[in-house]
Amino acid sequence: MPYKMIKVRNKDCYKVYNSITKRIFAKCTTKEKATRQLALLRKKVYGSTSIKSATKKTIKKSTKNNV
């Protein structure tokens, strides 16, 4: 994953950035907000479907074809 979160030195905040391009999305934010932002950025890149919903769809399709 190109997006990462690290703790800022000597402060109680976190930095969100792209490890490939070094673009910074948040300079100093709380850990909760940083994790939410990481989730948002990853959804933007990889799509909003989760692994669980994707596996449920494939299971439903395979059972319908067999019946």
C-alpha atoms as a PDB file:
ATOM      1  CA  MET A   1       0.000   0.000   0.000  1.00  0.00           C
ATOM      2  CA  PRO A   2       1.490   3.344  -0.924  1.00  0.00           C
ATOM      3  CA  TYR A   3      -0.242   5.263   1.873  1.00  0.00           C
ATOM      4  CA  LYS A   4       1.381   5.273   5.293  1.00  0.00           C
ATOM      5  CA  MET A   5       0.935   6.839   8.699  1.00  0.00           C
ATOM      6  CA  ILE A   6       3.797   7.710  11.046  1.00  0.00           C
ATOM      7  CA  LYS A   7       3.990   9.437  14.398  1.00  0.00           C
ATOM      8  CA  VAL A   8       5.465  12.932  14.352  1.00  0.00           C
ATOM      9  CA  ARG A   9       8.536  13.227  16.519  1.00  0.00           C
ATOM     10  CA  ASN A  10       8.120  15.050  19.879  1.00  0.00           C
ATOM     11  CA  LYS A  11       4.368  15.585  19.314  1.00  0.00           C
ATOM     12  CA  ASP A  12       1.106  13.740  19.931  1.00  0.00           C
ATOM     13  CA  CYS A  13       0.078  13.654  16.290  1.00  0.00           C
ATOM     14  CA  TYR A  14       0.421  11.561  13.128  1.00  0.00           C
ATOM     15  CA  LYS A  15       1.390  12.262   9.530  1.00  0.00           C
ATOM     16  CA  VAL A  16      -0.352  10.636   6.542  1.00  0.00           C
ATOM     17  CA  TYR A  17       1.618  10.461   3.307  1.00  0.00           C
ATOM     18  CA  ASN A  18       2.180   8.556   0.085  1.00  0.00           C
ATOM     19  CA  SER A  19       5.409   6.578   0.374  1.00  0.00           C
ATOM     20  CA  ILE A  20       6.000   6.525  -3.380  1.00  0.00           C
ATOM     21  CA  THR A  21       5.415  10.177  -4.285  1.00  0.00           C
ATOM     22  CA  LYS A  22       6.098  11.598  -0.771  1.00  0.00           C
ATOM     23  CA  ARG A  23       2.925  13.699  -1.019  1.00  0.00           C
ATOM     24  CA  ILE A  24       1.626  14.664   2.438  1.00  0.00           C
ATOM     25  CA  PHE A  25      -2.125  14.434   3.112  1.00  0.00           C
ATOM     26  CA  ALA A  26      -2.082  15.304   6.836  1.00  0.00           C
ATOM     27  CA  LYS A  27       0.779  16.953   8.695  1.00  0.00           C
ATOM     28  CA  CYS A  28      -0.442  16.708  12.284  1.00  0.00           C
ATOM     29  CA  THR A  29      -3.666  14.903  13.136  1.00  0.00           C
ATOM     30  CA  THR A  30      -4.982  12.486  15.739  1.00  0.00           C
ATOM     31  CA  LYS A  31      -4.494   8.749  15.326  1.00  0.00           C
ATOM     32  CA  GLU A  32      -8.216   8.143  14.838  1.00  0.00           C
ATOM     33  CA  LYS A  33      -8.509  10.747  12.086  1.00  0.00           C
ATOM     34  CA  ALA A  34      -5.339   9.472  10.418  1.00  0.00           C
ATOM     35  CA  THR A  35      -6.650   5.896  10.259  1.00  0.00           C
ATOM     36  CA  ARG A  36      -9.923   7.156   8.806  1.00  0.00           C
ATOM     37  CA  GLN A  37      -8.050   9.124   6.179  1.00  0.00           C
ATOM     38  CA  LEU A  38      -5.966   6.070   5.272  1.00  0.00           C
ATOM     39  CA  ALA A  39      -9.156   4.073   4.798  1.00  0.00           C
ATOM     40  CA  LEU A  40     -10.591   6.789   2.584  1.00  0.00           C
ATOM     41  CA  LEU A  41      -7.464   7.003   0.445  1.00  0.00           C
ATOM     42  CA  ARG A  42      -7.291   3.226   0.057  1.00  0.00           C
ATOM     43  CA  LYS A  43     -10.946   3.070  -0.957  1.00  0.00           C
ATOM     44  CA  LYS A  44     -10.268   5.731  -3.558  1.00  0.00           C
ATOM     45  CA  VAL A  45      -7.459   3.688  -5.103  1.00  0.00           C
ATOM     46  CA  TYR A  46      -8.700   0.111  -4.688  1.00  0.00           C
ATOM     47  CA  GLY A  47     -12.468   0.601  -4.828  1.00  0.00           C
ATOM     48  CA  SER A  48     -15.109   0.504  -2.155  1.00  0.00           C
ATOM     49  CA  THR A  49     -15.824  -3.244  -2.257  1.00  0.00           C
ATOM     50  CA  SER A  50     -14.432  -5.109   0.685  1.00  0.00           C
ATOM     51  CA  ILE A  51     -13.027  -8.627   0.650  1.00  0.00           C
ATOM     52  CA  LYS A  52     -16.031 -10.002   2.531  1.00  0.00           C
ATOM     53  CA  SER A  53     -18.567  -8.625   0.065  1.00  0.00           C
ATOM     54  CA  ALA A  54     -16.523  -9.867  -2.892  1.00  0.00           C
ATOM     55  CA  THR A  55     -16.368 -13.400  -1.508  1.00  0.00           C
ATOM     56  CA  LYS A  56     -20.103 -13.395  -0.760  1.00  0.00           C
ATOM     57  CA  LYS A  57     -20.848 -12.466  -4.369  1.00  0.00           C
ATOM     58  CA  THR A  58     -18.708 -15.288  -5.753  1.00  0.00           C
ATOM     59  CA  ILE A  59     -20.299 -17.815  -3.400  1.00  0.00           C
ATOM     60  CA  LYS A  60     -23.803 -16.746  -4.432  1.00  0.00           C
ATOM     61  CA  LYS A  61     -22.934 -16.992  -8.130  1.00  0.00           C
ATOM     62  CA  SER A  62     -21.432 -20.456  -7.807  1.00  0.00           C
ATOM     63  CA  THR A  63     -24.423 -21.847  -5.886  1.00  0.00           C
ATOM     64  CA  LYS A  64     -26.915 -20.468  -8.403  1.00  0.00           C
ATOM     65  CA  ASN A  65     -25.093 -22.085 -11.322  1.00  0.00           C
ATOM     66  CA  ASN A  66     -24.987 -25.499  -9.640  1.00  0.00           C
ATOM     67  CA  VAL A  67     -28.714 -25.647  -8.822  1.00  0.00           C
END
